[in-house]
PDB file of all heavy atoms in Angstrom:
ATOM      1  N   PRO A   1     -56.117  57.044 -43.243  1.00  0.00           N
ATOM      2  CA  PRO A   1     -57.503  56.714 -43.610  1.00  0.00           C
ATOM      3  C   PRO A   1     -58.008  55.405 -43.011  1.00  0.00           C
ATOM      4  O   PRO A   1     -59.226  55.193 -42.909  1.00  0.00           O
ATOM      5  CB  PRO A   1     -57.443  56.633 -45.145  1.00  0.00           C
ATOM      6  CG  PRO A   1     -56.008  56.327 -45.457  1.00  0.00           C
ATOM      7  CD  PRO A   1     -55.214  57.038 -44.407  1.00  0.00           C
ATOM      8  N   ASP A   2     -57.095  54.535 -42.585  1.00  0.00           N
ATOM      9  CA  ASP A   2     -57.517  53.245 -42.037  1.00  0.00           C
ATOM     10  C   ASP A   2     -57.857  53.313 -40.546  1.00  0.00           C
ATOM     11  O   ASP A   2     -58.331  52.324 -39.983  1.00  0.00           O
ATOM     12  CB  ASP A   2     -56.416  52.199 -42.248  1.00  0.00           C
ATOM     13  CG  ASP A   2     -56.179  51.897 -43.723  1.00  0.00           C
ATOM     14  OD1 ASP A   2     -57.127  52.074 -44.514  1.00  0.00           O
ATOM     15  OD2 ASP A   2     -55.051  51.509 -44.084  1.00  0.00           O
ATOM     16  N   SER A   3     -57.612  54.457 -39.935  1.00  0.00           N
ATOM     17  CA  SER A   3     -57.915  54.599 -38.513  1.00  0.00           C
ATOM     18  C   SER A   3     -59.295  55.205 -38.310  1.00  0.00           C
ATOM     19  O   SER A   3     -59.730  56.066 -39.094  1.00  0.00           O
ATOM     20  CB  SER A   3     -56.863  55.474 -37.829  1.00  0.00           C
ATOM     21  OG  SER A   3     -55.605  54.830 -37.822  1.00  0.00           O
ATOM     22  N   GLU A   4     -59.994  54.766 -37.298  1.00  0.00           N
ATOM     23  CA  GLU A   4     -61.359  55.222 -37.049  1.00  0.00           C
ATOM     24  C   GLU A   4     -61.406  56.661 -36.537  1.00  0.00           C
ATOM     25  O   GLU A   4     -62.415  57.349 -36.731  1.00  0.00           O
ATOM     26  CB  GLU A   4     -62.035  54.290 -36.036  1.00  0.00           C
ATOM     27  CG  GLU A   4     -62.213  52.864 -36.542  1.00  0.00           C
ATOM     28  CD  GLU A   4     -62.860  51.967 -35.497  1.00  0.00           C
ATOM     29  OE1 GLU A   4     -63.310  52.514 -34.461  1.00  0.00           O
ATOM     30  OE2 GLU A   4     -62.920  50.745 -35.712  1.00  0.00           O
ATOM     31  N   SER A   5     -60.344  57.107 -35.871  1.00  0.00           N
ATOM     32  CA  SER A   5     -60.326  58.440 -35.290  1.00  0.00           C
ATOM     33  C   SER A   5     -58.877  58.841 -35.022  1.00  0.00           C
ATOM     34  O   SER A   5     -57.954  58.027 -35.157  1.00  0.00           O
ATOM     35  CB  SER A   5     -61.103  58.456 -33.959  1.00  0.00           C
ATOM     36  OG  SER A   5     -60.454  57.620 -33.004  1.00  0.00           O
ATOM     37  N   TYR A   6     -58.693  60.091 -34.639  1.00  0.00           N
ATOM     38  CA  TYR A   6     -57.371  60.573 -34.262  1.00  0.00           C
ATOM     39  C   TYR A   6     -56.839  59.727 -33.092  1.00  0.00           C
ATOM     40  O   TYR A   6     -55.684  59.283 -33.082  1.00  0.00           O
ATOM     41  CB  TYR A   6     -57.489  62.051 -33.850  1.00  0.00           C
ATOM     42  CG  TYR A   6     -56.209  62.869 -33.897  1.00  0.00           C
ATOM     43  CD1 TYR A   6     -56.282  64.252 -34.071  1.00  0.00           C
ATOM     44  CD2 TYR A   6     -54.952  62.299 -33.757  1.00  0.00           C
ATOM     45  CE1 TYR A   6     -55.128  65.038 -34.116  1.00  0.00           C
ATOM     46  CE2 TYR A   6     -53.800  63.073 -33.799  1.00  0.00           C
ATOM     47  CZ  TYR A   6     -53.891  64.441 -33.974  1.00  0.00           C
ATOM     48  OH  TYR A   6     -52.758  65.215 -34.004  1.00  0.00           O
ATOM     49  N   THR A   7     -57.679  59.471 -32.111  1.00  0.00           N
ATOM     50  CA  THR A   7     -57.273  58.658 -30.966  1.00  0.00           C
ATOM     51  C   THR A   7     -56.893  57.255 -31.387  1.00  0.00           C
ATOM     52  O   THR A   7     -55.924  56.673 -30.870  1.00  0.00           O
ATOM     53  CB  THR A   7     -58.421  58.600 -29.929  1.00  0.00           C
ATOM     54  OG1 THR A   7     -58.748  59.932 -29.522  1.00  0.00           O
ATOM     55  CG2 THR A   7     -58.025  57.779 -28.708  1.00  0.00           C
ATOM     56  N   ASP A   8     -57.611  56.721 -32.340  1.00  0.00           N
ATOM     57  CA  ASP A   8     -57.336  55.363 -32.819  1.00  0.00           C
ATOM     58  C   ASP A   8     -55.960  55.266 -33.468  1.00  0.00           C
ATOM     59  O   ASP A   8     -55.325  54.201 -33.409  1.00  0.00           O
ATOM     60  CB  ASP A   8     -58.418  54.926 -33.803  1.00  0.00           C
ATOM     61  CG  ASP A   8     -58.275  53.475 -34.226  1.00  0.00           C
ATOM     62  OD1 ASP A   8     -58.163  52.614 -33.326  1.00  0.00           O
ATOM     63  OD2 ASP A   8     -58.257  53.206 -35.440  1.00  0.00           O
ATOM     64  N   VAL A   9     -55.486  56.352 -34.072  1.00  0.00           N
ATOM     65  CA  VAL A   9     -54.141  56.347 -34.660  1.00  0.00           C
ATOM     66  C   VAL A   9     -53.113  56.009 -33.587  1.00  0.00           C
ATOM     67  O   VAL A   9     -52.278  55.110 -33.751  1.00  0.00           O
ATOM     68  CB  VAL A   9     -53.810  57.716 -35.298  1.00  0.00           C
ATOM     69  CG1 VAL A   9     -52.349  57.748 -35.752  1.00  0.00           C
ATOM     70  CG2 VAL A   9     -54.731  58.001 -36.473  1.00  0.00           C
ATOM     71  N   TYR A  10     -53.166  56.717 -32.480  1.00  0.00           N
ATOM     72  CA  TYR A  10     -52.215  56.467 -31.402  1.00  0.00           C
ATOM     73  C   TYR A  10     -52.439  55.101 -30.761  1.00  0.00           C
ATOM     74  O   TYR A  10     -51.480  54.396 -30.411  1.00  0.00           O
ATOM     75  CB  TYR A  10     -52.327  57.566 -30.342  1.00  0.00           C
ATOM     76  CG  TYR A  10     -51.853  58.919 -30.806  1.00  0.00           C
ATOM     77  CD1 TYR A  10     -52.695  60.032 -30.744  1.00  0.00           C
ATOM     78  CD2 TYR A  10     -50.565  59.111 -31.300  1.00  0.00           C
ATOM     79  CE1 TYR A  10     -52.263  61.291 -31.154  1.00  0.00           C
ATOM     80  CE2 TYR A  10     -50.126  60.361 -31.715  1.00  0.00           C
ATOM     81  CZ  TYR A  10     -50.981  61.446 -31.641  1.00  0.00           C
ATOM     82  OH  TYR A  10     -50.551  62.688 -32.050  1.00  0.00           O
ATOM     83  N   HIS A  11     -53.701  54.745 -30.590  1.00  0.00           N
ATOM     84  CA  HIS A  11     -54.021  53.465 -29.963  1.00  0.00           C
ATOM     85  C   HIS A  11     -53.498  52.304 -30.811  1.00  0.00           C
ATOM     86  O   HIS A  11     -52.962  51.311 -30.274  1.00  0.00           O
ATOM     87  CB  HIS A  11     -55.533  53.351 -29.781  1.00  0.00           C
ATOM     88  CG  HIS A  11     -55.962  52.128 -29.023  1.00  0.00           C
ATOM     89  ND1 HIS A  11     -55.430  51.771 -27.806  1.00  0.00           N
ATOM     90  CD2 HIS A  11     -56.891  51.174 -29.323  1.00  0.00           C
ATOM     91  CE1 HIS A  11     -56.005  50.663 -27.372  1.00  0.00           C
ATOM     92  NE2 HIS A  11     -56.884  50.282 -28.284  1.00  0.00           N
ATOM     93  N   LYS A  12     -53.622  52.438 -32.115  1.00  0.00           N
ATOM     94  CA  LYS A  12     -53.183  51.395 -33.052  1.00  0.00           C
ATOM     95  C   LYS A  12     -51.692  51.100 -32.908  1.00  0.00           C
ATOM     96  O   LYS A  12     -51.253  49.962 -33.093  1.00  0.00           O
ATOM     97  CB  LYS A  12     -53.508  51.853 -34.472  1.00  0.00           C
ATOM     98  CG  LYS A  12     -53.141  50.881 -35.574  1.00  0.00           C
ATOM     99  CD  LYS A  12     -53.569  51.453 -36.923  1.00  0.00           C
ATOM    100  CE  LYS A  12     -53.248  50.506 -38.053  1.00  0.00           C
ATOM    101  NZ  LYS A  12     -53.666  51.089 -39.365  1.00  0.00           N
ATOM    102  N   TYR A  13     -50.936  52.139 -32.558  1.00  0.00           N
ATOM    103  CA  TYR A  13     -49.482  51.984 -32.450  1.00  0.00           C
ATOM    104  C   TYR A  13     -48.999  51.911 -30.997  1.00  0.00           C
ATOM    105  O   TYR A  13     -47.844  52.191 -30.694  1.00  0.00           O
ATOM    106  CB  TYR A  13     -48.787  53.131 -33.193  1.00  0.00           C
ATOM    107  CG  TYR A  13     -49.060  53.097 -34.691  1.00  0.00           C
ATOM    108  CD1 TYR A  13     -49.827  54.096 -35.296  1.00  0.00           C
ATOM    109  CD2 TYR A  13     -48.574  52.055 -35.471  1.00  0.00           C
ATOM    110  CE1 TYR A  13     -50.097  54.057 -36.660  1.00  0.00           C
ATOM    111  CE2 TYR A  13     -48.845  52.013 -36.840  1.00  0.00           C
ATOM    112  CZ  TYR A  13     -49.602  53.015 -37.421  1.00  0.00           C
ATOM    113  OH  TYR A  13     -49.863  52.971 -38.778  1.00  0.00           O
ATOM    114  N   ASN A  14     -49.911  51.536 -30.104  1.00  0.00           N
ATOM    115  CA  ASN A  14     -49.580  51.307 -28.681  1.00  0.00           C
ATOM    116  C   ASN A  14     -49.007  52.546 -27.996  1.00  0.00           C
ATOM    117  O   ASN A  14     -48.143  52.440 -27.119  1.00  0.00           O
ATOM    118  CB  ASN A  14     -48.596  50.136 -28.554  1.00  0.00           C
ATOM    119  CG  ASN A  14     -49.159  48.834 -29.077  1.00  0.00           C
ATOM    120  OD1 ASN A  14     -50.283  48.472 -28.743  1.00  0.00           O
ATOM    121  ND2 ASN A  14     -48.404  48.158 -29.920  1.00  0.00           N
ATOM    122  N   LEU A  15     -49.514  53.702 -28.390  1.00  0.00           N
ATOM    123  CA  LEU A  15     -49.060  54.949 -27.793  1.00  0.00           C
ATOM    124  C   LEU A  15     -50.056  55.522 -26.790  1.00  0.00           C
ATOM    125  O   LEU A  15     -49.839  56.615 -26.256  1.00  0.00           O
ATOM    126  CB  LEU A  15     -48.767  55.974 -28.891  1.00  0.00           C
ATOM    127  CG  LEU A  15     -47.522  55.666 -29.740  1.00  0.00           C
ATOM    128  CD1 LEU A  15     -47.508  56.508 -31.004  1.00  0.00           C
ATOM    129  CD2 LEU A  15     -46.251  55.895 -28.924  1.00  0.00           C
ATOM    130  N   LEU A  16     -51.133  54.797 -26.528  1.00  0.00           N
ATOM    131  CA  LEU A  16     -52.071  55.189 -25.472  1.00  0.00           C
ATOM    132  C   LEU A  16     -51.903  54.227 -24.309  1.00  0.00           C
ATOM    133  O   LEU A  16     -52.339  53.074 -24.372  1.00  0.00           O
ATOM    134  CB  LEU A  16     -53.519  55.157 -25.969  1.00  0.00           C
ATOM    135  CG  LEU A  16     -54.026  56.294 -26.844  1.00  0.00           C
ATOM    136  CD1 LEU A  16     -55.536  56.171 -27.025  1.00  0.00           C
ATOM    137  CD2 LEU A  16     -53.677  57.653 -26.270  1.00  0.00           C
ATOM    138  N   THR A  17     -51.253  54.691 -23.251  1.00  0.00           N
ATOM    139  CA  THR A  17     -51.029  53.861 -22.069  1.00  0.00           C
ATOM    140  C   THR A  17     -51.367  54.684 -20.829  1.00  0.00           C
ATOM    141  O   THR A  17     -51.700  55.866 -20.927  1.00  0.00           O
ATOM    142  CB  THR A  17     -49.555  53.400 -21.976  1.00  0.00           C
ATOM    143  OG1 THR A  17     -48.743  54.512 -21.550  1.00  0.00           O
ATOM    144  CG2 THR A  17     -49.051  52.894 -23.316  1.00  0.00           C
ATOM    145  N   ASP A  18     -51.232  54.069 -19.666  1.00  0.00           N
ATOM    146  CA  ASP A  18     -51.510  54.816 -18.436  1.00  0.00           C
ATOM    147  C   ASP A  18     -50.370  55.767 -18.079  1.00  0.00           C
ATOM    148  O   ASP A  18     -50.414  56.430 -17.041  1.00  0.00           O
ATOM    149  CB  ASP A  18     -51.800  53.868 -17.270  1.00  0.00           C
ATOM    150  CG  ASP A  18     -50.637  52.943 -16.948  1.00  0.00           C
ATOM    151  OD1 ASP A  18     -49.590  53.014 -17.630  1.00  0.00           O
ATOM    152  OD2 ASP A  18     -50.775  52.128 -16.019  1.00  0.00           O
ATOM    153  N   LYS A  19     -49.354  55.857 -18.952  1.00  0.00           N
ATOM    154  CA  LYS A  19     -48.279  56.835 -18.782  1.00  0.00           C
ATOM    155  C   LYS A  19     -48.224  57.803 -19.968  1.00  0.00           C
ATOM    156  O   LYS A  19     -47.205  58.435 -20.222  1.00  0.00           O
ATOM    157  CB  LYS A  19     -46.933  56.121 -18.606  1.00  0.00           C
ATOM    158  CG  LYS A  19     -46.879  55.255 -17.357  1.00  0.00           C
ATOM    159  CD  LYS A  19     -45.563  54.520 -17.219  1.00  0.00           C
ATOM    160  CE  LYS A  19     -44.462  55.413 -16.702  1.00  0.00           C
ATOM    161  NZ  LYS A  19     -43.231  54.649 -16.371  1.00  0.00           N
ATOM    162  N   THR A  20     -49.350  57.923 -20.666  1.00  0.00           N
ATOM    163  CA  THR A  20     -49.457  58.825 -21.819  1.00  0.00           C
ATOM    164  C   THR A  20     -50.195  60.086 -21.431  1.00  0.00           C
ATOM    165  O   THR A  20     -51.223  60.039 -20.757  1.00  0.00           O
ATOM    166  CB  THR A  20     -50.219  58.148 -22.978  1.00  0.00           C
ATOM    167  OG1 THR A  20     -49.464  57.040 -23.463  1.00  0.00           O
ATOM    168  CG2 THR A  20     -50.459  59.126 -24.128  1.00  0.00           C
ATOM    169  N   VAL A  21     -49.676  61.242 -21.894  1.00  0.00           N
ATOM    170  CA  VAL A  21     -50.404  62.501 -21.767  1.00  0.00           C
ATOM    171  C   VAL A  21     -50.477  63.154 -23.143  1.00  0.00           C
ATOM    172  O   VAL A  21     -49.467  63.326 -23.811  1.00  0.00           O
ATOM    173  CB  VAL A  21     -49.752  63.449 -20.730  1.00  0.00           C
ATOM    174  CG1 VAL A  21     -48.299  63.749 -21.071  1.00  0.00           C
ATOM    175  CG2 VAL A  21     -50.552  64.734 -20.592  1.00  0.00           C
ATOM    176  N   MET A  22     -51.689  63.469 -23.568  1.00  0.00           N
ATOM    177  CA  MET A  22     -51.937  64.094 -24.863  1.00  0.00           C
ATOM    178  C   MET A  22     -52.461  65.515 -24.649  1.00  0.00           C
ATOM    179  O   MET A  22     -53.398  65.736 -23.872  1.00  0.00           O
ATOM    180  CB  MET A  22     -52.970  63.291 -25.661  1.00  0.00           C
ATOM    181  CG  MET A  22     -52.475  61.933 -26.128  1.00  0.00           C
ATOM    182  SD  MET A  22     -51.405  62.109 -27.557  1.00  0.00           S
ATOM    183  CE  MET A  22     -50.811  60.417 -27.751  1.00  0.00           C
ATOM    184  N   ALA A  23     -51.856  66.469 -25.343  1.00  0.00           N
ATOM    185  CA  ALA A  23     -52.253  67.863 -25.181  1.00  0.00           C
ATOM    186  C   ALA A  23     -53.468  68.203 -26.029  1.00  0.00           C
ATOM    187  O   ALA A  23     -53.604  67.727 -27.159  1.00  0.00           O
ATOM    188  CB  ALA A  23     -51.096  68.790 -25.553  1.00  0.00           C
ATOM    189  N   HIS A  24     -54.350  69.018 -25.481  1.00  0.00           N
ATOM    190  CA  HIS A  24     -55.494  69.665 -26.131  1.00  0.00           C
ATOM    191  C   HIS A  24     -56.763  68.818 -26.107  1.00  0.00           C
ATOM    192  O   HIS A  24     -57.567  68.930 -25.198  1.00  0.00           O
ATOM    193  CB  HIS A  24     -55.136  70.125 -27.546  1.00  0.00           C
ATOM    194  CG  HIS A  24     -53.951  71.029 -27.580  1.00  0.00           C
ATOM    195  ND1 HIS A  24     -53.973  72.291 -27.020  1.00  0.00           N
ATOM    196  CD2 HIS A  24     -52.692  70.848 -28.059  1.00  0.00           C
ATOM    197  CE1 HIS A  24     -52.788  72.852 -27.160  1.00  0.00           C
ATOM    198  NE2 HIS A  24     -51.988  71.990 -27.771  1.00  0.00           N
TER     199      HIS A  24
END
């Protein structure tokens, strides 16, 4: 609930990088 969006969840935990691929 504290994250602004689904993407923000991953971004918050440093899981969005230039070597990240997310399906769908």
